[in-house]
Amino acid sequence: RSILTDLQEWKEQLVEVPGNEIHDHKSHGHHDQNQSDVTP
């Protein structure tokens, strides 16, 4: 359960890569963190 909790917290920290249309964003349930000020 501890490992699973860490994995779920990890998923919540994911940051979407702009233009990455390869995968389904809904299937992995992470938040689309704001990346407007993030350089490549």
Full PDB file with SEQRES, HELIX, SHEET, SSBOND, CRYST1, ORIGX, SCALE, CONECT and MASTER records, all heavy atoms in Angstrom:
SEQRES   1 A   40  ARG SER ILE LEU THR ASP LEU GLN GLU TRP LYS GLU GLN          
SEQRES   2 A   40  LEU VAL GLU VAL PRO GLY ASN GLU ILE HIS ASP HIS LYS          
SEQRES   3 A   40  SER HIS GLY HIS HIS ASP GLN ASN GLN SER ASP VAL THR          
SEQRES   4 A   40  PRO                                                          
HELIX    1 AA1 SER A    2  GLU A   12  1                                  11    
HELIX    2 AA2 HIS A   25  HIS A   28  5                                   4    
CRYST1    1.000    1.000    1.000  90.00  90.00  90.00 P 1           1          
ORIGX1      1.000000  0.000000  0.000000        0.00000                         
ORIGX2      0.000000  1.000000  0.000000        0.00000                         
ORIGX3      0.000000  0.000000  1.000000        0.00000                         
SCALE1      1.000000  0.000000  0.000000        0.00000                         
SCALE2      0.000000  1.000000  0.000000        0.00000                         
SCALE3      0.000000  0.000000  1.000000        0.00000                         
ATOM      1  N   ARG A   1       0.831  -1.205   0.000  1.00  0.00           N  
ATOM      2  CA  ARG A   1       0.000   0.000   0.000  1.00  0.00           C  
ATOM      3  C   ARG A   1       0.866   1.256   0.000  1.00  0.00           C  
ATOM      4  O   ARG A   1       0.545   2.244  -0.660  1.00  0.00           O  
ATOM      5  CB  ARG A   1      -0.963  -0.004   1.186  1.00  0.00           C  
ATOM      6  CG  ARG A   1      -2.214  -0.838   0.925  1.00  0.00           C  
ATOM      7  CD  ARG A   1      -3.262  -0.637   2.008  1.00  0.00           C  
ATOM      8  NE  ARG A   1      -2.848  -1.198   3.287  1.00  0.00           N  
ATOM      9  CZ  ARG A   1      -2.922  -2.496   3.600  1.00  0.00           C  
ATOM     10  NH1 ARG A   1      -3.384  -3.364   2.726  1.00  0.00           N  
ATOM     11  NH2 ARG A   1      -2.527  -2.918   4.789  1.00  0.00           N  
ATOM     12  N   SER A   2       1.967   1.214   0.719  1.00  0.00           N  
ATOM     13  CA  SER A   2       2.894   2.346   0.747  1.00  0.00           C  
ATOM     14  C   SER A   2       3.488   2.597  -0.637  1.00  0.00           C  
ATOM     15  O   SER A   2       3.575   3.748  -1.086  1.00  0.00           O  
ATOM     16  CB  SER A   2       4.005   2.077   1.764  1.00  0.00           C  
ATOM     17  OG  SER A   2       4.979   3.081   1.708  1.00  0.00           O  
ATOM     18  N   ILE A   3       3.885   1.543  -1.308  1.00  0.00           N  
ATOM     19  CA  ILE A   3       4.441   1.673  -2.660  1.00  0.00           C  
ATOM     20  C   ILE A   3       3.369   2.204  -3.607  1.00  0.00           C  
ATOM     21  O   ILE A   3       3.626   3.093  -4.426  1.00  0.00           O  
ATOM     22  CB  ILE A   3       5.020   0.326  -3.154  1.00  0.00           C  
ATOM     23  CG1 ILE A   3       6.213  -0.082  -2.288  1.00  0.00           C  
ATOM     24  CG2 ILE A   3       5.431   0.429  -4.623  1.00  0.00           C  
ATOM     25  CD1 ILE A   3       6.699  -1.510  -2.520  1.00  0.00           C  
ATOM     26  N   LEU A   4       2.151   1.681  -3.492  1.00  0.00           N  
ATOM     27  CA  LEU A   4       1.053   2.132  -4.340  1.00  0.00           C  
ATOM     28  C   LEU A   4       0.741   3.611  -4.084  1.00  0.00           C  
ATOM     29  O   LEU A   4       0.515   4.379  -5.018  1.00  0.00           O  
ATOM     30  CB  LEU A   4      -0.194   1.273  -4.114  1.00  0.00           C  
ATOM     31  CG  LEU A   4      -1.407   1.591  -4.988  1.00  0.00           C  
ATOM     32  CD1 LEU A   4      -1.072   1.447  -6.470  1.00  0.00           C  
ATOM     33  CD2 LEU A   4      -2.577   0.689  -4.617  1.00  0.00           C  
ATOM     34  N   THR A   5       0.769   4.021  -2.829  1.00  0.00           N  
ATOM     35  CA  THR A   5       0.537   5.429  -2.485  1.00  0.00           C  
ATOM     36  C   THR A   5       1.600   6.318  -3.119  1.00  0.00           C  
ATOM     37  O   THR A   5       1.278   7.371  -3.699  1.00  0.00           O  
ATOM     38  CB  THR A   5       0.527   5.620  -0.956  1.00  0.00           C  
ATOM     39  OG1 THR A   5      -0.564   4.870  -0.418  1.00  0.00           O  
ATOM     40  CG2 THR A   5       0.384   7.083  -0.582  1.00  0.00           C  
ATOM     41  N   ASP A   6       2.860   5.900  -3.035  1.00  0.00           N  
ATOM     42  CA  ASP A   6       3.940   6.676  -3.653  1.00  0.00           C  
ATOM     43  C   ASP A   6       3.753   6.755  -5.169  1.00  0.00           C  
ATOM     44  O   ASP A   6       3.992   7.805  -5.773  1.00  0.00           O  
ATOM     45  CB  ASP A   6       5.302   6.077  -3.326  1.00  0.00           C  
ATOM     46  CG  ASP A   6       5.712   6.325  -1.884  1.00  0.00           C  
ATOM     47  OD1 ASP A   6       5.058   7.139  -1.196  1.00  0.00           O  
ATOM     48  OD2 ASP A   6       6.686   5.688  -1.440  1.00  0.00           O  
ATOM     49  N   LEU A   7       3.316   5.659  -5.767  1.00  0.00           N  
ATOM     50  CA  LEU A   7       3.082   5.645  -7.209  1.00  0.00           C  
ATOM     51  C   LEU A   7       1.938   6.596  -7.579  1.00  0.00           C  
ATOM     52  O   LEU A   7       2.031   7.337  -8.563  1.00  0.00           O  
ATOM     53  CB  LEU A   7       2.780   4.220  -7.685  1.00  0.00           C  
ATOM     54  CG  LEU A   7       2.620   4.017  -9.183  1.00  0.00           C  
ATOM     55  CD1 LEU A   7       3.875   4.446  -9.935  1.00  0.00           C  
ATOM     56  CD2 LEU A   7       2.294   2.561  -9.473  1.00  0.00           C  
ATOM     57  N   GLN A   8       0.888   6.596  -6.792  1.00  0.00           N  
ATOM     58  CA  GLN A   8      -0.229   7.500  -7.059  1.00  0.00           C  
ATOM     59  C   GLN A   8       0.186   8.956  -6.878  1.00  0.00           C  
ATOM     60  O   GLN A   8      -0.200   9.819  -7.674  1.00  0.00           O  
ATOM     61  CB  GLN A   8      -1.418   7.146  -6.172  1.00  0.00           C  
ATOM     62  CG  GLN A   8      -2.060   5.834  -6.581  1.00  0.00           C  
ATOM     63  CD  GLN A   8      -3.033   5.280  -5.557  1.00  0.00           C  
ATOM     64  OE1 GLN A   8      -3.035   5.668  -4.402  1.00  0.00           O  
ATOM     65  NE2 GLN A   8      -3.868   4.357  -6.001  1.00  0.00           N  
ATOM     66  N   GLU A   9       0.990   9.246  -5.862  1.00  0.00           N  
ATOM     67  CA  GLU A   9       1.502  10.609  -5.677  1.00  0.00           C  
ATOM     68  C   GLU A   9       2.397  11.005  -6.839  1.00  0.00           C  
ATOM     69  O   GLU A   9       2.369  12.153  -7.293  1.00  0.00           O  
ATOM     70  CB  GLU A   9       2.257  10.720  -4.353  1.00  0.00           C  
ATOM     71  CG  GLU A   9       1.350  10.701  -3.148  1.00  0.00           C  
ATOM     72  CD  GLU A   9       2.118  10.728  -1.827  1.00  0.00           C  
ATOM     73  OE1 GLU A   9       3.369  10.844  -1.842  1.00  0.00           O  
ATOM     74  OE2 GLU A   9       1.456  10.631  -0.785  1.00  0.00           O  
ATOM     75  N   TRP A  10       3.188  10.062  -7.316  1.00  0.00           N  
ATOM     76  CA  TRP A  10       4.039  10.325  -8.479  1.00  0.00           C  
ATOM     77  C   TRP A  10       3.174  10.720  -9.680  1.00  0.00           C  
ATOM     78  O   TRP A  10       3.472  11.692 -10.375  1.00  0.00           O  
ATOM     79  CB  TRP A  10       4.879   9.078  -8.787  1.00  0.00           C  
ATOM     80  CG  TRP A  10       5.666   9.186 -10.054  1.00  0.00           C  
ATOM     81  CD1 TRP A  10       6.911   9.719 -10.197  1.00  0.00           C  
ATOM     82  CD2 TRP A  10       5.252   8.778 -11.357  1.00  0.00           C  
ATOM     83  NE1 TRP A  10       7.292   9.650 -11.506  1.00  0.00           N  
ATOM     84  CE2 TRP A  10       6.296   9.081 -12.245  1.00  0.00           C  
ATOM     85  CE3 TRP A  10       4.094   8.168 -11.855  1.00  0.00           C  
ATOM     86  CZ2 TRP A  10       6.221   8.815 -13.600  1.00  0.00           C  
ATOM     87  CZ3 TRP A  10       4.010   7.905 -13.206  1.00  0.00           C  
ATOM     88  CH2 TRP A  10       5.064   8.222 -14.065  1.00  0.00           C  
ATOM     89  N   LYS A  11       2.089   9.975  -9.908  1.00  0.00           N  
ATOM     90  CA  LYS A  11       1.203  10.276 -11.038  1.00  0.00           C  
ATOM     91  C   LYS A  11       0.606  11.672 -10.929  1.00  0.00           C  
ATOM     92  O   LYS A  11       0.427  12.355 -11.932  1.00  0.00           O  
ATOM     93  CB  LYS A  11       0.071   9.247 -11.133  1.00  0.00           C  
ATOM     94  CG  LYS A  11       0.493   7.942 -11.750  1.00  0.00           C  
ATOM     95  CD  LYS A  11      -0.710   7.037 -11.919  1.00  0.00           C  
ATOM     96  CE  LYS A  11      -0.337   5.796 -12.673  1.00  0.00           C  
ATOM     97  NZ  LYS A  11      -1.521   4.962 -12.982  1.00  0.00           N  
ATOM     98  N   GLU A  12       0.314  12.095  -9.710  1.00  0.00           N  
ATOM     99  CA  GLU A  12      -0.264  13.427  -9.510  1.00  0.00           C  
ATOM    100  C   GLU A  12       0.734  14.532  -9.838  1.00  0.00           C  
ATOM    101  O   GLU A  12       0.326  15.658 -10.112  1.00  0.00           O  
ATOM    102  CB  GLU A  12      -0.758  13.580  -8.070  1.00  0.00           C  
ATOM    103  CG  GLU A  12      -1.973  12.734  -7.766  1.00  0.00           C  
ATOM    104  CD  GLU A  12      -2.360  12.752  -6.305  1.00  0.00           C  
ATOM    105  OE1 GLU A  12      -1.746  13.515  -5.529  1.00  0.00           O  
ATOM    106  OE2 GLU A  12      -3.284  12.010  -5.938  1.00  0.00           O  
ATOM    107  N   GLN A  13       2.019  14.215  -9.826  1.00  0.00           N  
ATOM    108  CA  GLN A  13       3.049  15.215 -10.101  1.00  0.00           C  
ATOM    109  C   GLN A  13       3.445  15.286 -11.571  1.00  0.00           C  
ATOM    110  O   GLN A  13       4.229  16.156 -11.955  1.00  0.00           O  
ATOM    111  CB  GLN A  13       4.301  14.931  -9.254  1.00  0.00           C  
ATOM    112  CG  GLN A  13       4.063  14.966  -7.768  1.00  0.00           C  
ATOM    113  CD  GLN A  13       3.483  16.285  -7.305  1.00  0.00           C  
ATOM    114  OE1 GLN A  13       3.924  17.344  -7.709  1.00  0.00           O  
ATOM    115  NE2 GLN A  13       2.467  16.200  -6.456  1.00  0.00           N  
ATOM    116  N   LEU A  14       2.900  14.380 -12.386  1.00  0.00           N  
ATOM    117  CA  LEU A  14       3.269  14.369 -13.799  1.00  0.00           C  
ATOM    118  C   LEU A  14       2.950  15.693 -14.465  1.00  0.00           C  
ATOM    119  O   LEU A  14       1.946  16.339 -14.163  1.00  0.00           O  
ATOM    120  CB  LEU A  14       2.535  13.243 -14.535  1.00  0.00           C  
ATOM    121  CG  LEU A  14       3.099  11.858 -14.323  1.00  0.00           C  
ATOM    122  CD1 LEU A  14       2.209  10.814 -14.979  1.00  0.00           C  
ATOM    123  CD2 LEU A  14       4.503  11.745 -14.857  1.00  0.00           C  
ATOM    124  N   VAL A  15       3.804  16.068 -15.368  1.00  0.00           N  
ATOM    125  CA  VAL A  15       3.623  17.284 -16.146  1.00  0.00           C  
ATOM    126  C   VAL A  15       3.511  16.864 -17.602  1.00  0.00           C  
ATOM    127  O   VAL A  15       4.389  16.174 -18.121  1.00  0.00           O  
ATOM    128  CB  VAL A  15       4.818  18.247 -15.946  1.00  0.00           C  
ATOM    129  CG1 VAL A  15       4.662  19.483 -16.804  1.00  0.00           C  
ATOM    130  CG2 VAL A  15       4.972  18.604 -14.482  1.00  0.00           C  
ATOM    131  N   GLU A  16       2.421  17.262 -18.248  1.00  0.00           N  
ATOM    132  CA  GLU A  16       2.209  16.923 -19.650  1.00  0.00           C  
ATOM    133  C   GLU A  16       3.222  17.654 -20.521  1.00  0.00           C  
ATOM    134  O   GLU A  16       3.544  18.810 -20.270  1.00  0.00           O  
ATOM    135  CB  GLU A  16       0.819  17.359 -20.085  1.00  0.00           C  
ATOM    136  CG  GLU A  16      -0.227  16.308 -20.283  1.00  0.00           C  
ATOM    137  CD  GLU A  16       0.210  14.935 -20.687  1.00  0.00           C  
ATOM    138  OE1 GLU A  16       0.905  14.752 -21.712  1.00  0.00           O  
ATOM    139  OE2 GLU A  16      -0.174  14.004 -20.002  1.00  0.00           O  
ATOM    140  N   VAL A  17       3.667  16.980 -21.544  1.00  0.00           N  
ATOM    141  CA  VAL A  17       4.581  17.561 -22.509  1.00  0.00           C  
ATOM    142  C   VAL A  17       3.743  18.191 -23.624  1.00  0.00           C  
ATOM    143  O   VAL A  17       2.925  17.513 -24.231  1.00  0.00           O  
ATOM    144  CB  VAL A  17       5.530  16.491 -23.090  1.00  0.00           C  
ATOM    145  CG1 VAL A  17       6.451  17.099 -24.139  1.00  0.00           C  
ATOM    146  CG2 VAL A  17       6.321  15.817 -21.979  1.00  0.00           C  
ATOM    147  N   PRO A  18       3.925  19.474 -23.873  1.00  0.00           N  
ATOM    148  CA  PRO A  18       3.165  20.115 -24.949  1.00  0.00           C  
ATOM    149  C   PRO A  18       3.357  19.398 -26.276  1.00  0.00           C  
ATOM    150  O   PRO A  18       4.474  19.003 -26.625  1.00  0.00           O  
ATOM    151  CB  PRO A  18       3.757  21.529 -25.009  1.00  0.00           C  
ATOM    152  CG  PRO A  18       4.317  21.756 -23.654  1.00  0.00           C  
ATOM    153  CD  PRO A  18       4.815  20.413 -23.198  1.00  0.00           C  
ATOM    154  N   GLY A  19       2.265  19.188 -26.989  1.00  0.00           N  
ATOM    155  CA  GLY A  19       2.322  18.532 -28.290  1.00  0.00           C  
ATOM    156  C   GLY A  19       2.399  17.024 -28.235  1.00  0.00           C  
ATOM    157  O   GLY A  19       2.469  16.371 -29.275  1.00  0.00           O  
ATOM    158  N   ASN A  20       2.368  16.435 -27.048  1.00  0.00           N  
ATOM    159  CA  ASN A  20       2.451  14.981 -26.922  1.00  0.00           C  
ATOM    160  C   ASN A  20       1.054  14.400 -27.051  1.00  0.00           C  
ATOM    161  O   ASN A  20       0.321  14.292 -26.089  1.00  0.00           O  
ATOM    162  CB  ASN A  20       3.066  14.596 -25.574  1.00  0.00           C  
ATOM    163  CG  ASN A  20       3.248  13.109 -25.414  1.00  0.00           C  
ATOM    164  OD1 ASN A  20       3.240  12.365 -26.391  1.00  0.00           O  
ATOM    165  ND2 ASN A  20       3.427  12.666 -24.194  1.00  0.00           N  
ATOM    166  N   GLU A  21       0.701  14.018 -28.248  1.00  0.00           N  
ATOM    167  CA  GLU A  21      -0.641  13.497 -28.511  1.00  0.00           C  
ATOM    168  C   GLU A  21      -0.655  11.980 -28.625  1.00  0.00           C  
ATOM    169  O   GLU A  21      -1.655  11.398 -28.994  1.00  0.00           O  
ATOM    170  CB  GLU A  21      -1.191  14.115 -29.804  1.00  0.00           C  
ATOM    171  CG  GLU A  21      -1.212  15.630 -29.790  1.00  0.00           C  
ATOM    172  CD  GLU A  21      -2.088  16.201 -28.686  1.00  0.00           C  
ATOM    173  OE1 GLU A  21      -3.076  15.552 -28.297  1.00  0.00           O  
ATOM    174  OE2 GLU A  21      -1.770  17.309 -28.210  1.00  0.00           O  
ATOM    175  N   ILE A  22       0.466  11.330 -28.305  1.00  0.00           N  
ATOM    176  CA  ILE A  22       0.592   9.890 -28.507  1.00  0.00           C  
ATOM    177  C   ILE A  22      -0.262   9.089 -27.545  1.00  0.00           C  
ATOM    178  O   ILE A  22      -0.812   8.062 -27.900  1.00  0.00           O  
ATOM    179  CB  ILE A  22       2.072   9.459 -28.409  1.00  0.00           C  
ATOM    180  CG1 ILE A  22       2.853  10.083 -29.558  1.00  0.00           C  
ATOM    181  CG2 ILE A  22       2.214   7.957 -28.417  1.00  0.00           C  
ATOM    182  CD1 ILE A  22       4.335   9.865 -29.488  1.00  0.00           C  
ATOM    183  N   HIS A  23      -0.401   9.525 -26.324  1.00  0.00           N  
ATOM    184  CA  HIS A  23      -1.132   8.725 -25.345  1.00  0.00           C  
ATOM    185  C   HIS A  23      -2.411   9.421 -24.905  1.00  0.00           C  
ATOM    186  O   HIS A  23      -2.589  10.620 -25.096  1.00  0.00           O  
ATOM    187  CB  HIS A  23      -0.238   8.415 -24.135  1.00  0.00           C  
ATOM    188  CG  HIS A  23       0.053   9.597 -23.282  1.00  0.00           C  
ATOM    189  ND1 HIS A  23       1.009  10.518 -23.597  1.00  0.00           N  
ATOM    190  CD2 HIS A  23      -0.498  10.019 -22.128  1.00  0.00           C  
ATOM    191  CE1 HIS A  23       1.038  11.452 -22.682  1.00  0.00           C  
ATOM    192  NE2 HIS A  23       0.129  11.185 -21.775  1.00  0.00           N  
ATOM    193  N   ASP A  24      -3.282   8.628 -24.315  1.00  0.00           N  
ATOM    194  CA  ASP A  24      -4.562   9.124 -23.819  1.00  0.00           C  
ATOM    195  C   ASP A  24      -4.354   9.723 -22.436  1.00  0.00           C  
ATOM    196  O   ASP A  24      -4.028   9.019 -21.494  1.00  0.00           O  
ATOM    197  CB  ASP A  24      -5.560   7.960 -23.760  1.00  0.00           C  
ATOM    198  CG  ASP A  24      -6.896   8.360 -23.177  1.00  0.00           C  
ATOM    199  OD1 ASP A  24      -7.201   9.568 -23.125  1.00  0.00           O  
ATOM    200  OD2 ASP A  24      -7.642   7.453 -22.778  1.00  0.00           O  
ATOM    201  N   HIS A  25      -4.570  11.008 -22.307  1.00  0.00           N  
ATOM    202  CA  HIS A  25      -4.345  11.706 -21.049  1.00  0.00           C  
ATOM    203  C   HIS A  25      -5.291  11.232 -19.953  1.00  0.00           C  
ATOM    204  O   HIS A  25      -4.947  11.248 -18.792  1.00  0.00           O  
ATOM    205  CB  HIS A  25      -4.516  13.220 -21.239  1.00  0.00           C  
ATOM    206  CG  HIS A  25      -3.630  13.772 -22.297  1.00  0.00           C  
ATOM    207  ND1 HIS A  25      -2.494  14.464 -22.017  1.00  0.00           N  
ATOM    208  CD2 HIS A  25      -3.702  13.708 -23.650  1.00  0.00           C  
ATOM    209  CE1 HIS A  25      -1.906  14.818 -23.149  1.00  0.00           C  
ATOM    210  NE2 HIS A  25      -2.614  14.372 -24.142  1.00  0.00           N  
ATOM    211  N   LYS A  26      -6.468  10.804 -20.307  1.00  0.00           N  
ATOM    212  CA  LYS A  26      -7.456  10.396 -19.305  1.00  0.00           C  
ATOM    213  C   LYS A  26      -7.131   9.031 -18.704  1.00  0.00           C  
ATOM    214  O   LYS A  26      -7.508   8.744 -17.588  1.00  0.00           O  
ATOM    215  CB  LYS A  26      -8.850  10.364 -19.928  1.00  0.00           C  
ATOM    216  CG  LYS A  26      -9.323  11.741 -20.352  1.00  0.00           C  
ATOM    217  CD  LYS A  26     -10.641  11.658 -21.072  1.00  0.00           C  
ATOM    218  CE  LYS A  26     -11.002  13.028 -21.629  1.00  0.00           C  
ATOM    219  NZ  LYS A  26     -12.070  12.963 -22.592  1.00  0.00           N  
ATOM    220  N   SER A  27      -6.420   8.197 -19.441  1.00  0.00           N  
ATOM    221  CA  SER A  27      -6.189   6.825 -18.984  1.00  0.00           C  
ATOM    222  C   SER A  27      -5.245   6.734 -17.806  1.00  0.00           C  
ATOM    223  O   SER A  27      -5.239   5.755 -17.093  1.00  0.00           O  
ATOM    224  CB  SER A  27      -5.652   5.964 -20.130  1.00  0.00           C  
ATOM    225  OG  SER A  27      -4.338   6.361 -20.464  1.00  0.00           O  
ATOM    226  N   HIS A  28      -4.414   7.739 -17.590  1.00  0.00           N  
ATOM    227  CA  HIS A  28      -3.468   7.635 -16.482  1.00  0.00           C  
ATOM    228  C   HIS A  28      -3.746   8.638 -15.377  1.00  0.00           C  
ATOM    229  O   HIS A  28      -3.019   8.678 -14.405  1.00  0.00           O  
ATOM    230  CB  HIS A  28      -2.014   7.703 -16.961  1.00  0.00           C  
ATOM    231  CG  HIS A  28      -1.706   8.820 -17.887  1.00  0.00           C  
ATOM    232  ND1 HIS A  28      -1.899   8.732 -19.232  1.00  0.00           N  
ATOM    233  CD2 HIS A  28      -1.238  10.053 -17.658  1.00  0.00           C  
ATOM    234  CE1 HIS A  28      -1.543   9.865 -19.796  1.00  0.00           C  
ATOM    235  NE2 HIS A  28      -1.140  10.682 -18.867  1.00  0.00           N  
ATOM    236  N   GLY A  29      -4.774   9.412 -15.495  1.00  0.00           N  
ATOM    237  CA  GLY A  29      -5.305  10.186 -14.394  1.00  0.00           C  
ATOM    238  C   GLY A  29      -4.394  11.212 -13.749  1.00  0.00           C  
ATOM    239  O   GLY A  29      -4.561  11.531 -12.597  1.00  0.00           O  
ATOM    240  N   HIS A  30      -3.429  11.729 -14.462  1.00  0.00           N  
ATOM    241  CA  HIS A  30      -2.611  12.756 -13.831  1.00  0.00           C  
ATOM    242  C   HIS A  30      -3.135  14.132 -14.183  1.00  0.00           C  
ATOM    243  O   HIS A  30      -3.882  14.311 -15.115  1.00  0.00           O  
ATOM    244  CB  HIS A  30      -1.133  12.600 -14.175  1.00  0.00           C  
ATOM    245  CG  HIS A  30      -0.791  12.855 -15.612  1.00  0.00           C  
ATOM    246  ND1 HIS A  30      -0.744  11.856 -16.532  1.00  0.00           N  
ATOM    247  CD2 HIS A  30      -0.496  13.994 -16.268  1.00  0.00           C  
ATOM    248  CE1 HIS A  30      -0.415  12.368 -17.707  1.00  0.00           C  
ATOM    249  NE2 HIS A  30      -0.268  13.655 -17.573  1.00  0.00           N  
ATOM    250  N   HIS A  31      -2.702  15.066 -13.407  1.00  0.00           N  
ATOM    251  CA  HIS A  31      -3.131  16.439 -13.617  1.00  0.00           C  
ATOM    252  C   HIS A  31      -2.287  17.067 -14.706  1.00  0.00           C  
ATOM    253  O   HIS A  31      -1.109  16.780 -14.844  1.00  0.00           O  
ATOM    254  CB  HIS A  31      -2.973  17.250 -12.330  1.00  0.00           C  
ATOM    255  CG  HIS A  31      -3.744  16.665 -11.195  1.00  0.00           C  
ATOM    256  ND1 HIS A  31      -5.111  16.669 -11.160  1.00  0.00           N  
ATOM    257  CD2 HIS A  31      -3.342  16.044 -10.075  1.00  0.00           C  
ATOM    258  CE1 HIS A  31      -5.509  16.083 -10.048  1.00  0.00           C  
ATOM    259  NE2 HIS A  31      -4.454  15.689  -9.372  1.00  0.00           N  
ATOM    260  N   ASP A  32      -2.900  17.937 -15.458  1.00  0.00           N  
ATOM    261  CA  ASP A  32      -2.173  18.657 -16.496  1.00  0.00           C  
ATOM    262  C   ASP A  32      -1.564  19.901 -15.862  1.00  0.00           C  
ATOM    263  O   ASP A  32      -2.159  20.963 -15.853  1.00  0.00           O  
ATOM    264  CB  ASP A  32      -3.131  19.023 -17.626  1.00  0.00           C  
ATOM    265  CG  ASP A  32      -2.413  19.464 -18.882  1.00  0.00           C  
ATOM    266  OD1 ASP A  32      -1.180  19.301 -18.939  1.00  0.00           O  
ATOM    267  OD2 ASP A  32      -3.090  19.957 -19.794  1.00  0.00           O  
ATOM    268  N   GLN A  33      -0.379  19.733 -15.269  1.00  0.00           N  
ATOM    269  CA  GLN A  33       0.281  20.837 -14.595  1.00  0.00           C  
ATOM    270  C   GLN A  33       0.533  21.973 -15.588  1.00  0.00           C  
ATOM    271  O   GLN A  33       0.792  21.737 -16.754  1.00  0.00           O  
ATOM    272  CB  GLN A  33       1.620  20.377 -13.991  1.00  0.00           C  
ATOM    273  CG  GLN A  33       1.518  19.212 -13.053  1.00  0.00           C  
ATOM    274  CD  GLN A  33       0.959  19.614 -11.695  1.00  0.00           C  
ATOM    275  OE1 GLN A  33       0.892  20.768 -11.358  1.00  0.00           O  
ATOM    276  NE2 GLN A  33       0.549  18.633 -10.930  1.00  0.00           N  
ATOM    277  N   ASN A  34       0.459  23.192 -15.117  1.00  0.00           N  
ATOM    278  CA  ASN A  34       0.688  24.348 -15.967  1.00  0.00           C  
ATOM    279  C   ASN A  34       2.145  24.367 -16.414  1.00  0.00           C  
ATOM    280  O   ASN A  34       3.045  24.416 -15.599  1.00  0.00           O  
ATOM    281  CB  ASN A  34       0.344  25.619 -15.205  1.00  0.00           C  
ATOM    282  CG  ASN A  34       0.517  26.863 -16.041  1.00  0.00           C  
ATOM    283  OD1 ASN A  34       0.814  26.796 -17.229  1.00  0.00           O  
ATOM    284  ND2 ASN A  34       0.330  28.003 -15.417  1.00  0.00           N  
ATOM    285  N   GLN A  35       2.355  24.343 -17.726  1.00  0.00           N  
ATOM    286  CA  GLN A  35       3.709  24.369 -18.225  1.00  0.00           C  
ATOM    287  C   GLN A  35       3.939  25.558 -19.157  1.00  0.00           C  
ATOM    288  O   GLN A  35       4.830  25.550 -19.980  1.00  0.00           O  
ATOM    289  CB  GLN A  35       4.094  23.039 -18.862  1.00  0.00           C  
ATOM    290  CG  GLN A  35       3.427  22.577 -20.130  1.00  0.00           C  
ATOM    291  CD  GLN A  35       2.002  22.166 -20.054  1.00  0.00           C  
ATOM    292  OE1 GLN A  35       1.181  22.971 -20.394  1.00  0.00           O  
ATOM    293  NE2 GLN A  35       1.665  20.965 -19.686  1.00  0.00           N  
ATOM    294  N   SER A  36       3.150  26.627 -18.988  1.00  0.00           N  
ATOM    295  CA  SER A  36       3.264  27.784 -19.873  1.00  0.00           C  
ATOM    296  C   SER A  36       4.606  28.501 -19.730  1.00  0.00           C  
ATOM    297  O   SER A  36       5.074  29.113 -20.674  1.00  0.00           O  
ATOM    298  CB  SER A  36       2.111  28.757 -19.633  1.00  0.00           C  
ATOM    299  OG  SER A  36       2.135  29.214 -18.297  1.00  0.00           O  
ATOM    300  N   ASP A  37       5.231  28.452 -18.580  1.00  0.00           N  
ATOM    301  CA  ASP A  37       6.508  29.134 -18.365  1.00  0.00           C  
ATOM    302  C   ASP A  37       7.686  28.174 -18.389  1.00  0.00           C  
ATOM    303  O   ASP A  37       8.777  28.527 -17.941  1.00  0.00           O  
ATOM    304  CB  ASP A  37       6.494  29.862 -17.013  1.00  0.00           C  
ATOM    305  CG  ASP A  37       5.475  30.987 -16.986  1.00  0.00           C  
ATOM    306  OD1 ASP A  37       5.200  31.560 -18.059  1.00  0.00           O  
ATOM    307  OD2 ASP A  37       4.954  31.281 -15.908  1.00  0.00           O  
ATOM    308  N   VAL A  38       7.479  26.979 -18.891  1.00  0.00           N  
ATOM    309  CA  VAL A  38       8.521  25.955 -18.899  1.00  0.00           C  
ATOM    310  C   VAL A  38       9.132  25.880 -20.294  1.00  0.00           C  
ATOM    311  O   VAL A  38       8.427  25.686 -21.275  1.00  0.00           O  
ATOM    312  CB  VAL A  38       7.938  24.577 -18.495  1.00  0.00           C  
ATOM    313  CG1 VAL A  38       8.996  23.505 -18.564  1.00  0.00           C  
ATOM    314  CG2 VAL A  38       7.330  24.654 -17.111  1.00  0.00           C  
ATOM    315  N   THR A  39      10.442  26.030 -20.358  1.00  0.00           N  
ATOM    316  CA  THR A  39      11.138  25.917 -21.638  1.00  0.00           C  
ATOM    317  C   THR A  39      11.266  24.443 -22.017  1.00  0.00           C  
ATOM    318  O   THR A  39      11.113  23.555 -21.160  1.00  0.00           O  
ATOM    319  CB  THR A  39      12.549  26.534 -21.556  1.00  0.00           C  
ATOM    320  OG1 THR A  39      13.347  25.717 -20.689  1.00  0.00           O  
ATOM    321  CG2 THR A  39      12.510  27.974 -21.072  1.00  0.00           C  
ATOM    322  N   PRO A  40      11.575  24.151 -23.270  1.00  0.00           N  
ATOM    323  CA  PRO A  40      11.777  22.750 -23.663  1.00  0.00           C  
ATOM    324  C   PRO A  40      12.864  22.062 -22.838  1.00  0.00           C  
ATOM    325  O   PRO A  40      12.728  20.903 -22.471  1.00  0.00           O  
ATOM    326  CB  PRO A  40      12.174  22.851 -25.136  1.00  0.00           C  
ATOM    327  CG  PRO A  40      11.549  24.116 -25.613  1.00  0.00           C  
ATOM    328  CD  PRO A  40      11.614  25.049 -24.436  1.00  0.00           C  
TER     329      PRO A  40                                                      
MASTER        0    0    0    2    0    0    0    6  328    1    0    4          
END                                                                             
